[in-house]
């Protein structure tokens, strides 16, 4: 059976996204992006993008509450936890540092 790989799609700076950093985790290079939400000063959107083809999923979206530290536990985060443990650990480190 042929394995399927997925490519990451970086968000646009014109839409308010800023690149935070690159990391290596789970055998791949990843970029972290952040965008302030227009309707809430407490919540920030994040996107993690693979810089190379990967299995399972190459783009992850979630939100973080700067006021109480809560991560919005989206479907993407559950996939991240299941398939990319190192990347999930980096996510926690970067989001906490990046607030």
Protein backbone atom coordinates (compact mmCIF):
# COMPACT_ATOMS: atom_id res chain seq x y z
CA UNK A 1 0.00 0.00 0.00
CA UNK A 2 1.35 3.39 -1.00
CA UNK A 3 1.86 5.85 1.86
CA UNK A 4 0.29 9.28 1.53
CA UNK A 5 2.26 12.37 2.52
CA UNK A 6 0.93 15.87 3.13
CA UNK A 7 2.52 19.28 2.51
CA UNK A 8 2.30 22.28 4.83
CA UNK A 9 0.74 25.57 3.68
CA UNK A 10 2.10 28.66 5.47
CA UNK A 11 -0.43 31.40 6.26
CA UNK A 12 -0.17 34.88 4.73
CA UNK A 13 1.47 37.80 6.51
CA UNK A 14 -1.07 39.99 4.70
CA UNK A 15 -3.74 38.30 6.83
CA UNK A 16 -1.96 39.27 10.05
CA UNK A 17 0.12 36.12 10.62
CA UNK A 18 3.64 36.39 12.01
CA UNK A 19 6.25 33.66 11.93
CA UNK A 20 7.49 32.76 15.41
CA UNK A 21 10.16 30.10 14.86
CA UNK A 22 11.21 26.86 13.21
CA UNK A 23 11.72 23.61 15.13
CA UNK A 24 12.76 20.05 14.37
CA UNK A 25 10.46 17.46 15.92
CA UNK A 26 9.35 13.93 15.07
CA UNK A 27 11.83 13.76 12.20
CA UNK A 28 10.56 16.85 10.36
CA UNK A 29 11.06 20.62 10.18
CA UNK A 30 8.08 22.71 11.33
CA UNK A 31 7.26 26.44 11.35
CA UNK A 32 5.11 28.11 14.01
CA UNK A 33 2.88 31.08 13.12
CA UNK A 34 0.71 33.32 15.30
CA UNK A 35 -2.15 35.72 14.61
CA UNK A 36 -4.04 37.90 17.09
CA UNK A 37 -7.78 37.38 16.92
CA UNK A 38 -9.76 40.46 15.92
CA UNK A 39 -12.72 39.78 18.22
CA UNK A 40 -10.85 38.91 21.42
CA UNK A 41 -7.71 40.35 22.96
CA UNK A 42 -7.31 37.22 25.13
CA UNK A 43 -7.23 34.61 22.35
CA UNK A 44 -4.47 34.08 19.78
CA UNK A 45 -4.63 31.71 16.79
CA UNK A 46 -1.67 29.47 15.97
CA UNK A 47 -0.77 27.44 12.92
CA UNK A 48 1.98 24.84 12.76
CA UNK A 49 3.16 24.03 9.24
CA UNK A 50 5.44 21.23 8.05
CA UNK A 51 8.29 22.42 5.87
CA UNK A 52 8.47 19.04 4.13
CA UNK A 53 6.02 16.26 3.21
CA UNK A 54 4.88 14.28 6.28
CA UNK A 55 2.45 11.47 7.10
CA UNK A 56 -0.88 12.03 8.87
CA UNK A 57 -1.21 15.83 8.79
CA UNK A 58 1.04 18.78 7.79
CA UNK A 59 -0.99 21.77 9.09
CA UNK A 60 -2.27 22.18 12.63
CA UNK A 61 -4.58 24.96 13.86
CA UNK A 62 -5.42 25.82 17.48
CA UNK A 63 -6.01 28.80 19.76
CA UNK A 64 -4.44 29.88 23.05
CA UNK A 65 -5.93 32.10 25.72
CA UNK A 66 -3.25 34.56 26.89
CA UNK A 67 -5.22 35.41 30.02
CA UNK A 68 -5.67 31.94 31.53
CA UNK A 69 -3.23 29.82 29.47
CA UNK A 70 -5.94 27.55 28.10
CA UNK A 71 -5.38 25.81 24.78
CA UNK A 72 -8.50 25.35 22.70
CA UNK A 73 -8.46 21.58 22.30
CA UNK A 74 -9.37 21.25 18.67
CA UNK A 75 -9.43 18.14 16.52
CA UNK A 76 -5.97 19.13 15.27
CA UNK A 77 -4.48 19.01 18.77
CA UNK A 78 -5.77 15.47 19.33
CA UNK A 79 -4.08 14.37 16.07
CA UNK A 80 -0.92 16.21 17.14
CA UNK A 81 -0.88 14.34 20.47
CA UNK A 82 -1.53 10.97 18.80
CA UNK A 83 1.01 11.19 15.98
CA UNK A 84 3.54 13.92 16.83
CA UNK A 85 4.39 13.78 20.55
CA UNK A 86 7.66 15.73 20.21
CA UNK A 87 5.90 18.43 18.21
CA UNK A 88 3.14 18.64 20.83
CA UNK A 89 5.79 19.13 23.55
CA UNK A 90 7.43 21.88 21.44
CA UNK A 91 3.99 23.45 20.95
CA UNK A 92 3.46 23.71 24.71
CA UNK A 93 6.93 25.21 25.18
CA UNK A 94 6.58 27.75 22.34
CA UNK A 95 3.05 28.87 23.11
CA UNK A 96 3.86 29.41 26.77
CA UNK A 97 7.03 31.34 25.89
CA UNK A 98 5.38 33.25 23.06
CA UNK A 99 2.64 34.88 25.15
